[in-house]
Amino acid sequence: MKNSTHRDAPRLRRLGLLVAGALAALLVACATPQPSAKSASLPTPKIWNTQQQAGWQEVQLPGKTPTIYRMDEQAPGRSPGQRTALIAKAASSASMLRAPVRMEPEALGRVDFSWWVPALIAEADMAQRDSDDSPVRLILAFEGDRSKFSAKDAMVNELARLLTGEEIPYATLMYVWCNKRPVDSVIHSPRTDRIRKIVVESGAQGLQQWRSYERDIRADFTRAFGEPPGALVAIGLMSDSDNTRSNAVAWYGPVALR
């Protein structure tokens, strides 16, 4: 019995790390956010959902140093009178700002967003578990049929429910800036198949300038996941550098759902 337990120990440790990593990756977009104590006083940008405005809520990840998010009235590269933007400062850290929304599948249209990035994270590779960092991410979380989950994702979903009272989203779509992959590439998360990333900017050419995007949510989701989307239930912004143990800074403009 002792020998069997000893032989199984490395496998059990690997399984524990896999579950913990997948849980952390998926908690960033759980459908019903619970604000941290800071959320009520956090200066936030505006997110527009048709005619409604909602504030961002700060979401910290288990065991992670949080990224610092605050409003900056002297954001670079903007005209006078329009310089206010959200600045994110990551120092070996990972956390996010998230806003709950509700947009049914038939109402899904386009999302507009922008960001300003001074430098990339040199060692980052979003297809690799140990270097899955990015100076900027826009995150969309969707409902769907969780009975389609793999055994691993079903286990992570149950852990999330037990630990947080929330289920994980059926699917999470991220728009990201990649160091080297071509624009419009789809990157599968190294931790779970329920997160997929679409590259909207690649390489260093667009650094140190405001970059603006208009994306078709339905088309992007269908291409990334191979099926039409369910209802959109949350949207988030995230700058993270915890895996590469590095520093990153970025500015985010408003997000508009059309």
C-alpha atoms as a PDB file:
ATOM      1  CA  MET A   1       0.000   0.000   0.000  1.00  0.00           C
ATOM      2  CA  LYS A   2       2.820   2.392   0.867  1.00  0.00           C
ATOM      3  CA  ASN A   3       4.554   1.724  -2.448  1.00  0.00           C
ATOM      4  CA  SER A   4       1.333   2.353  -4.381  1.00  0.00           C
ATOM      5  CA  THR A   5       0.718   5.596  -2.508  1.00  0.00           C
ATOM      6  CA  HIS A   6       4.297   6.698  -3.154  1.00  0.00           C
ATOM      7  CA  ARG A   7       3.989   5.921  -6.873  1.00  0.00           C
ATOM      8  CA  ASP A   8       0.697   7.814  -7.122  1.00  0.00           C
ATOM      9  CA  ALA A   9       1.954  10.933  -5.321  1.00  0.00           C
ATOM     10  CA  PRO A  10       3.491  12.670  -8.383  1.00  0.00           C
ATOM     11  CA  ARG A  11       0.339  11.988 -10.419  1.00  0.00           C
ATOM     12  CA  LEU A  12      -1.881  13.352  -7.667  1.00  0.00           C
ATOM     13  CA  ARG A  13       0.283  16.464  -7.352  1.00  0.00           C
ATOM     14  CA  ARG A  14       0.088  17.043 -11.110  1.00  0.00           C
ATOM     15  CA  LEU A  15      -3.689  16.612 -11.012  1.00  0.00           C
ATOM     16  CA  GLY A  16      -3.929  19.071  -8.130  1.00  0.00           C
ATOM     17  CA  LEU A  17      -1.851  21.659 -10.003  1.00  0.00           C
ATOM     18  CA  LEU A  18      -3.922  21.154 -13.159  1.00  0.00           C
ATOM     19  CA  VAL A  19      -7.199  21.644 -11.297  1.00  0.00           C
ATOM     20  CA  ALA A  20      -5.876  24.686  -9.415  1.00  0.00           C
ATOM     21  CA  GLY A  21      -4.551  26.267 -12.607  1.00  0.00           C
ATOM     22  CA  ALA A  22      -7.726  25.644 -14.569  1.00  0.00           C
ATOM     23  CA  LEU A  23      -9.845  26.939 -11.691  1.00  0.00           C
ATOM     24  CA  ALA A  24      -7.822  30.166 -11.486  1.00  0.00           C
ATOM     25  CA  ALA A  25      -8.009  30.632 -15.250  1.00  0.00           C
ATOM     26  CA  LEU A  26     -11.782  30.154 -15.309  1.00  0.00           C
ATOM     27  CA  LEU A  27     -12.664  32.138 -12.182  1.00  0.00           C
ATOM     28  CA  VAL A  28     -11.803  35.336 -14.040  1.00  0.00           C
ATOM     29  CA  ALA A  29     -15.102  35.084 -15.878  1.00  0.00           C
ATOM     30  CA  CYS A  30     -17.560  33.411 -13.502  1.00  0.00           C
ATOM     31  CA  ALA A  31     -20.996  34.570 -14.484  1.00  0.00           C
ATOM     32  CA  THR A  32     -22.140  36.309 -11.285  1.00  0.00           C
ATOM     33  CA  PRO A  33     -19.308  38.447  -9.925  1.00  0.00           C
ATOM     34  CA  GLN A  34     -18.991  39.212  -6.237  1.00  0.00           C
ATOM     35  CA  PRO A  35     -17.363  42.643  -5.735  1.00  0.00           C
ATOM     36  CA  SER A  36     -14.324  42.894  -3.506  1.00  0.00           C
ATOM     37  CA  ALA A  37     -14.303  45.333  -0.636  1.00  0.00           C
ATOM     38  CA  LYS A  38     -12.482  47.827  -2.865  1.00  0.00           C
ATOM     39  CA  SER A  39     -15.059  47.771  -5.621  1.00  0.00           C
ATOM     40  CA  ALA A  40     -17.396  50.412  -4.242  1.00  0.00           C
ATOM     41  CA  SER A  41     -14.684  53.074  -4.181  1.00  0.00           C
ATOM     42  CA  LEU A  42     -12.599  51.996  -7.177  1.00  0.00           C
ATOM     43  CA  PRO A  43     -12.524  54.740  -9.858  1.00  0.00           C
ATOM     44  CA  THR A  44     -13.750  52.983 -12.972  1.00  0.00           C
ATOM     45  CA  PRO A  45     -14.195  53.512 -16.696  1.00  0.00           C
ATOM     46  CA  LYS A  46     -17.601  53.182 -18.261  1.00  0.00           C
ATOM     47  CA  ILE A  47     -18.944  50.155 -20.096  1.00  0.00           C
ATOM     48  CA  TRP A  48     -21.922  50.745 -22.347  1.00  0.00           C
ATOM     49  CA  ASN A  49     -24.553  48.054 -22.909  1.00  0.00           C
ATOM     50  CA  THR A  50     -27.050  49.633 -25.301  1.00  0.00           C
ATOM     51  CA  GLN A  51     -28.236  52.592 -23.174  1.00  0.00           C
ATOM     52  CA  GLN A  52     -27.027  51.307 -19.792  1.00  0.00           C
ATOM     53  CA  GLN A  53     -23.819  52.107 -17.925  1.00  0.00           C
ATOM     54  CA  ALA A  54     -22.331  49.744 -15.372  1.00  0.00           C
ATOM     55  CA  GLY A  55     -19.181  50.027 -13.286  1.00  0.00           C
ATOM     56  CA  TRP A  56     -16.324  47.559 -13.248  1.00  0.00           C
ATOM     57  CA  GLN A  57     -15.827  45.249 -10.266  1.00  0.00           C
ATOM     58  CA  GLU A  58     -12.388  44.174  -9.122  1.00  0.00           C
ATOM     59  CA  VAL A  59     -11.855  40.404  -9.137  1.00  0.00           C
ATOM     60  CA  GLN A  60      -8.816  38.911  -7.424  1.00  0.00           C
ATOM     61  CA  LEU A  61      -7.555  35.403  -8.138  1.00  0.00           C
ATOM     62  CA  PRO A  62      -6.720  32.823  -5.467  1.00  0.00           C
ATOM     63  CA  GLY A  63      -3.050  32.951  -4.494  1.00  0.00           C
ATOM     64  CA  LYS A  64      -2.211  35.765  -6.941  1.00  0.00           C
ATOM     65  CA  THR A  65      -0.852  39.241  -6.292  1.00  0.00           C
ATOM     66  CA  PRO A  66      -3.452  41.619  -7.781  1.00  0.00           C
ATOM     67  CA  THR A  67      -2.712  43.900 -10.704  1.00  0.00           C
ATOM     68  CA  ILE A  68      -3.273  47.593  -9.912  1.00  0.00           C
ATOM     69  CA  TYR A  69      -6.069  49.294 -11.878  1.00  0.00           C
ATOM     70  CA  ARG A  70      -6.897  52.990 -11.547  1.00  0.00           C
ATOM     71  CA  MET A  71      -8.050  55.931 -13.615  1.00  0.00           C
ATOM     72  CA  ASP A  72      -5.258  58.039 -15.149  1.00  0.00           C
ATOM     73  CA  GLU A  73      -6.061  61.605 -16.218  1.00  0.00           C
ATOM     74  CA  GLN A  74      -2.780  61.893 -18.136  1.00  0.00           C
ATOM     75  CA  ALA A  75      -3.016  58.841 -20.376  1.00  0.00           C
ATOM     76  CA  PRO A  76      -0.447  58.972 -23.203  1.00  0.00           C
ATOM     77  CA  GLY A  77      -1.250  59.706 -26.815  1.00  0.00           C
ATOM     78  CA  ARG A  78      -4.670  61.273 -26.278  1.00  0.00           C
ATOM     79  CA  SER A  79      -5.875  64.731 -27.184  1.00  0.00           C
ATOM     80  CA  PRO A  80      -6.392  67.374 -24.453  1.00  0.00           C
ATOM     81  CA  GLY A  81      -9.734  66.861 -22.753  1.00  0.00           C
ATOM     82  CA  GLN A  82      -9.760  63.146 -23.609  1.00  0.00           C
ATOM     83  CA  ARG A  83      -6.730  61.928 -21.716  1.00  0.00           C
ATOM     84  CA  THR A  84      -8.512  59.981 -18.973  1.00  0.00           C
ATOM     85  CA  ALA A  85      -8.145  56.223 -19.364  1.00  0.00           C
ATOM     86  CA  LEU A  86      -7.793  53.159 -17.177  1.00  0.00           C
ATOM     87  CA  ILE A  87      -4.184  52.265 -16.407  1.00  0.00           C
ATOM     88  CA  ALA A  88      -3.206  48.711 -15.458  1.00  0.00           C
ATOM     89  CA  LYS A  89       0.097  47.991 -13.734  1.00  0.00           C
ATOM     90  CA  ALA A  90       1.099  44.341 -13.412  1.00  0.00           C
ATOM     91  CA  ALA A  91       4.100  43.308 -11.307  1.00  0.00           C
ATOM     92  CA  SER A  92       4.290  39.495 -11.281  1.00  0.00           C
ATOM     93  CA  SER A  93       0.543  39.782 -10.749  1.00  0.00           C
ATOM     94  CA  ALA A  94      -2.847  38.766 -12.122  1.00  0.00           C
ATOM     95  CA  SER A  95      -6.349  40.087 -11.445  1.00  0.00           C
ATOM     96  CA  MET A  96      -9.071  41.689 -13.480  1.00  0.00           C
ATOM     97  CA  LEU A  97     -11.895  44.174 -13.700  1.00  0.00           C
ATOM     98  CA  ARG A  98     -15.229  42.669 -14.664  1.00  0.00           C
ATOM     99  CA  ALA A  99     -18.714  43.941 -15.391  1.00  0.00           C
ATOM    100  CA  PRO A 100     -21.861  41.784 -15.449  1.00  0.00           C
ATOM    101  CA  VAL A 101     -23.960  42.173 -18.590  1.00  0.00           C
ATOM    102  CA  ARG A 102     -26.843  40.291 -20.134  1.00  0.00           C
ATOM    103  CA  MET A 103     -27.091  40.131 -23.912  1.00  0.00           C
ATOM    104  CA  GLU A 104     -29.095  37.321 -25.492  1.00  0.00           C
ATOM    105  CA  PRO A 105     -27.633  35.465 -28.489  1.00  0.00           C
ATOM    106  CA  GLU A 106     -29.972  37.109 -30.990  1.00  0.00           C
ATOM    107  CA  ALA A 107     -28.912  40.552 -29.753  1.00  0.00           C
ATOM    108  CA  LEU A 108     -25.160  39.986 -30.039  1.00  0.00           C
ATOM    109  CA  GLY A 109     -23.526  42.443 -32.405  1.00  0.00           C
ATOM    110  CA  ARG A 110     -20.140  44.117 -32.265  1.00  0.00           C
ATOM    111  CA  VAL A 111     -17.756  45.137 -29.516  1.00  0.00           C
ATOM    112  CA  ASP A 112     -15.563  48.247 -29.786  1.00  0.00           C
ATOM    113  CA  PHE A 113     -12.499  48.677 -27.575  1.00  0.00           C
ATOM    114  CA  SER A 114      -9.061  50.269 -27.533  1.00  0.00           C
ATOM    115  CA  TRP A 115      -5.783  50.149 -25.650  1.00  0.00           C
ATOM    116  CA  TRP A 116      -2.306  51.686 -25.509  1.00  0.00           C
ATOM    117  CA  VAL A 117       0.643  49.384 -24.804  1.00  0.00           C
ATOM    118  CA  PRO A 118       4.200  50.699 -24.389  1.00  0.00           C
ATOM    119  CA  ALA A 119       5.948  47.304 -24.458  1.00  0.00           C
ATOM    120  CA  LEU A 120       5.226  43.604 -24.761  1.00  0.00           C
ATOM    121  CA  ILE A 121       6.155  40.927 -22.232  1.00  0.00           C
ATOM    122  CA  ALA A 122       9.233  39.416 -23.843  1.00  0.00           C
ATOM    123  CA  GLU A 123       8.867  35.899 -22.434  1.00  0.00           C
ATOM    124  CA  ALA A 124       5.087  35.628 -22.804  1.00  0.00           C
ATOM    125  CA  ASP A 125       3.485  32.887 -24.894  1.00  0.00           C
ATOM    126  CA  MET A 126      -0.261  32.505 -24.429  1.00  0.00           C
ATOM    127  CA  ALA A 127      -0.224  28.945 -25.768  1.00  0.00           C
ATOM    128  CA  GLN A 128       2.114  27.773 -22.986  1.00  0.00           C
ATOM    129  CA  ARG A 129       0.982  27.106 -19.410  1.00  0.00           C
ATOM    130  CA  ASP A 130       4.097  28.579 -17.765  1.00  0.00           C
ATOM    131  CA  SER A 131       4.196  31.802 -19.819  1.00  0.00           C
ATOM    132  CA  ASP A 132       0.508  32.565 -20.408  1.00  0.00           C
ATOM    133  CA  ASP A 133       0.706  36.329 -19.742  1.00  0.00           C
ATOM    134  CA  SER A 134      -0.482  39.386 -21.648  1.00  0.00           C
ATOM    135  CA  PRO A 135      -0.264  43.159 -21.097  1.00  0.00           C
ATOM    136  CA  VAL A 136      -3.884  43.500 -22.298  1.00  0.00           C
ATOM    137  CA  ARG A 137      -6.934  41.271 -22.619  1.00  0.00           C
ATOM    138  CA  LEU A 138     -10.605  41.905 -23.304  1.00  0.00           C
ATOM    139  CA  ILE A 139     -12.633  38.978 -21.935  1.00  0.00           C
ATOM    140  CA  LEU A 140     -16.184  37.911 -22.876  1.00  0.00           C
ATOM    141  CA  ALA A 141     -17.984  35.155 -20.926  1.00  0.00           C
ATOM    142  CA  PHE A 142     -20.942  33.200 -22.320  1.00  0.00           C
ATOM    143  CA  GLU A 143     -23.663  30.859 -21.168  1.00  0.00           C
ATOM    144  CA  GLY A 144     -24.185  27.473 -22.791  1.00  0.00           C
ATOM    145  CA  ASP A 145     -24.970  23.806 -22.205  1.00  0.00           C
ATOM    146  CA  ARG A 146     -22.574  22.689 -19.451  1.00  0.00           C
ATOM    147  CA  SER A 147     -23.581  19.077 -20.013  1.00  0.00           C
ATOM    148  CA  LYS A 148     -21.155  19.247 -22.955  1.00  0.00           C
ATOM    149  CA  PHE A 149     -18.208  19.785 -20.603  1.00  0.00           C
ATOM    150  CA  SER A 150     -15.370  17.294 -20.640  1.00  0.00           C
ATOM    151  CA  ALA A 151     -14.789  15.325 -17.441  1.00  0.00           C
ATOM    152  CA  LYS A 152     -11.959  17.712 -16.504  1.00  0.00           C
ATOM    153  CA  ASP A 153     -14.014  20.860 -17.064  1.00  0.00           C
ATOM    154  CA  ALA A 154     -16.997  19.356 -15.240  1.00  0.00           C
ATOM    155  CA  MET A 155     -14.719  18.739 -12.256  1.00  0.00           C
ATOM    156  CA  VAL A 156     -13.406  22.317 -12.384  1.00  0.00           C
ATOM    157  CA  ASN A 157     -16.985  23.601 -12.631  1.00  0.00           C
ATOM    158  CA  GLU A 158     -17.967  21.693  -9.510  1.00  0.00           C
ATOM    159  CA  LEU A 159     -14.901  22.963  -7.638  1.00  0.00           C
ATOM    160  CA  ALA A 160     -15.723  26.529  -8.641  1.00  0.00           C
ATOM    161  CA  ARG A 161     -19.288  26.098  -7.427  1.00  0.00           C
ATOM    162  CA  LEU A 162     -18.152  24.693  -4.095  1.00  0.00           C
ATOM    163  CA  LEU A 163     -15.430  27.293  -3.522  1.00  0.00           C
ATOM    164  CA  THR A 164     -17.148  30.431  -4.823  1.00  0.00           C
ATOM    165  CA  GLY A 165     -20.848  29.645  -5.158  1.00  0.00           C
ATOM    166  CA  GLU A 166     -20.548  30.347  -8.905  1.00  0.00           C
ATOM    167  CA  GLU A 167     -20.334  28.060 -11.894  1.00  0.00           C
ATOM    168  CA  ILE A 168     -17.733  28.706 -14.541  1.00  0.00           C
ATOM    169  CA  PRO A 169     -18.914  30.176 -17.855  1.00  0.00           C
ATOM    170  CA  TYR A 170     -19.741  27.730 -20.594  1.00  0.00           C
ATOM    171  CA  ALA A 171     -17.171  29.486 -22.783  1.00  0.00           C
ATOM    172  CA  THR A 172     -14.789  32.428 -22.493  1.00  0.00           C
ATOM    173  CA  LEU A 173     -13.522  34.378 -25.503  1.00  0.00           C
ATOM    174  CA  MET A 174     -10.523  36.676 -25.121  1.00  0.00           C
ATOM    175  CA  TYR A 175      -9.130  39.325 -27.454  1.00  0.00           C
ATOM    176  CA  VAL A 176      -5.374  39.552 -26.932  1.00  0.00           C
ATOM    177  CA  TRP A 177      -2.103  41.075 -28.142  1.00  0.00           C
ATOM    178  CA  CYS A 178       0.329  38.291 -29.062  1.00  0.00           C
ATOM    179  CA  ASN A 179       4.082  38.588 -29.445  1.00  0.00           C
ATOM    180  CA  LYS A 180       4.342  36.614 -32.671  1.00  0.00           C
ATOM    181  CA  ARG A 181       1.182  34.849 -33.892  1.00  0.00           C
ATOM    182  CA  PRO A 182      -0.651  36.394 -36.870  1.00  0.00           C
ATOM    183  CA  VAL A 183      -3.692  38.601 -36.367  1.00  0.00           C
ATOM    184  CA  ASP A 184      -6.931  36.563 -36.262  1.00  0.00           C
ATOM    185  CA  SER A 185      -5.135  33.451 -35.016  1.00  0.00           C
ATOM    186  CA  VAL A 186      -7.097  31.433 -32.457  1.00  0.00           C
ATOM    187  CA  ILE A 187      -5.105  30.298 -29.415  1.00  0.00           C
ATOM    188  CA  HIS A 188      -6.491  27.497 -27.254  1.00  0.00           C
ATOM    189  CA  SER A 189      -5.816  27.986 -23.565  1.00  0.00           C
ATOM    190  CA  PRO A 190      -3.149  25.589 -22.282  1.00  0.00           C
ATOM    191  CA  ARG A 191      -5.264  25.073 -19.131  1.00  0.00           C
ATOM    192  CA  THR A 192      -8.767  24.417 -20.452  1.00  0.00           C
ATOM    193  CA  ASP A 193     -10.599  24.055 -23.738  1.00  0.00           C
ATOM    194  CA  ARG A 194     -13.303  26.446 -22.472  1.00  0.00           C
ATOM    195  CA  ILE A 195     -11.049  29.487 -23.001  1.00  0.00           C
ATOM    196  CA  ARG A 196      -9.993  30.549 -26.486  1.00  0.00           C
ATOM    197  CA  LYS A 197      -8.140  33.680 -27.528  1.00  0.00           C
ATOM    198  CA  ILE A 198      -8.286  35.644 -30.748  1.00  0.00           C
ATOM    199  CA  VAL A 199      -5.192  37.653 -31.659  1.00  0.00           C
ATOM    200  CA  VAL A 200      -6.174  41.213 -32.611  1.00  0.00           C
ATOM    201  CA  GLU A 201      -2.640  42.641 -32.542  1.00  0.00           C
ATOM    202  CA  SER A 202       0.718  40.954 -33.171  1.00  0.00           C
ATOM    203  CA  GLY A 203       4.291  41.996 -32.632  1.00  0.00           C
ATOM    204  CA  ALA A 204       5.776  45.380 -31.774  1.00  0.00           C
ATOM    205  CA  GLN A 205       4.592  47.499 -34.691  1.00  0.00           C
ATOM    206  CA  GLY A 206       1.540  48.923 -32.899  1.00  0.00           C
ATOM    207  CA  LEU A 207       3.257  49.744 -29.621  1.00  0.00           C
ATOM    208  CA  GLN A 208       3.144  53.218 -28.053  1.00  0.00           C
ATOM    209  CA  GLN A 209       0.004  54.274 -29.894  1.00  0.00           C
ATOM    210  CA  TRP A 210      -3.713  53.914 -29.354  1.00  0.00           C
ATOM    211  CA  ARG A 211      -5.017  50.844 -31.158  1.00  0.00           C
ATOM    212  CA  SER A 212      -8.785  50.588 -31.729  1.00  0.00           C
ATOM    213  CA  TYR A 213     -10.800  47.510 -32.703  1.00  0.00           C
ATOM    214  CA  GLU A 214     -14.304  46.648 -33.821  1.00  0.00           C
ATOM    215  CA  ARG A 215     -15.083  42.948 -33.660  1.00  0.00           C
ATOM    216  CA  ASP A 216     -18.110  40.857 -34.631  1.00  0.00           C
ATOM    217  CA  ILE A 217     -18.810  38.880 -31.444  1.00  0.00           C
ATOM    218  CA  ARG A 218     -20.962  36.193 -33.032  1.00  0.00           C
ATOM    219  CA  ALA A 219     -18.571  35.552 -35.927  1.00  0.00           C
ATOM    220  CA  ASP A 220     -15.518  35.460 -33.676  1.00  0.00           C
ATOM    221  CA  PHE A 221     -17.131  33.098 -31.162  1.00  0.00           C
ATOM    222  CA  THR A 222     -18.368  30.755 -33.895  1.00  0.00           C
ATOM    223  CA  ARG A 223     -14.937  30.608 -35.493  1.00  0.00           C
ATOM    224  CA  ALA A 224     -13.161  30.062 -32.168  1.00  0.00           C
ATOM    225  CA  PHE A 225     -15.522  27.427 -30.717  1.00  0.00           C
ATOM    226  CA  GLY A 226     -17.147  25.901 -33.794  1.00  0.00           C
ATOM    227  CA  GLU A 227     -20.690  26.657 -32.609  1.00  0.00           C
ATOM    228  CA  PRO A 228     -22.910  29.738 -32.189  1.00  0.00           C
ATOM    229  CA  PRO A 229     -22.650  31.664 -28.895  1.00  0.00           C
ATOM    230  CA  GLY A 230     -25.054  31.616 -25.985  1.00  0.00           C
ATOM    231  CA  ALA A 231     -25.945  34.707 -23.999  1.00  0.00           C
ATOM    232  CA  LEU A 232     -23.118  37.091 -23.102  1.00  0.00           C
ATOM    233  CA  VAL A 233     -23.053  37.343 -19.287  1.00  0.00           C
ATOM    234  CA  ALA A 234     -19.825  39.151 -18.356  1.00  0.00           C
ATOM    235  CA  ILE A 235     -17.094  41.286 -19.839  1.00  0.00           C
ATOM    236  CA  GLY A 236     -13.668  41.927 -18.363  1.00  0.00           C
ATOM    237  CA  LEU A 237     -10.292  43.625 -18.712  1.00  0.00           C
ATOM    238  CA  MET A 238      -7.126  41.878 -17.567  1.00  0.00           C
ATOM    239  CA  SER A 239      -3.406  42.601 -17.539  1.00  0.00           C
ATOM    240  CA  ASP A 240      -1.290  39.810 -16.077  1.00  0.00           C
ATOM    241  CA  SER A 241       2.408  39.005 -15.677  1.00  0.00           C
ATOM    242  CA  ASP A 242       2.406  36.392 -12.912  1.00  0.00           C
ATOM    243  CA  ASN A 243       3.648  33.440 -14.956  1.00  0.00           C
ATOM    244  CA  THR A 244       6.687  35.222 -16.401  1.00  0.00           C
ATOM    245  CA  ARG A 245       7.384  37.088 -13.137  1.00  0.00           C
ATOM    246  CA  SER A 246       7.700  40.332 -15.079  1.00  0.00           C
ATOM    247  CA  ASN A 247       6.273  43.863 -15.182  1.00  0.00           C
ATOM    248  CA  ALA A 248       3.716  45.223 -17.631  1.00  0.00           C
ATOM    249  CA  VAL A 249       1.700  48.422 -18.006  1.00  0.00           C
ATOM    250  CA  ALA A 250      -1.157  49.335 -20.346  1.00  0.00           C
ATOM    251  CA  TRP A 251      -4.004  51.812 -20.749  1.00  0.00           C
ATOM    252  CA  TYR A 252      -7.580  50.818 -21.669  1.00  0.00           C
ATOM    253  CA  GLY A 253     -10.169  52.996 -23.411  1.00  0.00           C
ATOM    254  CA  PRO A 254     -13.970  52.533 -23.122  1.00  0.00           C
ATOM    255  CA  VAL A 255     -15.702  49.351 -24.223  1.00  0.00           C
ATOM    256  CA  ALA A 256     -18.904  49.540 -26.271  1.00  0.00           C
ATOM    257  CA  LEU A 257     -21.319  46.676 -26.957  1.00  0.00           C
ATOM    258  CA  ARG A 258     -23.478  47.304 -30.018  1.00  0.00           C
END
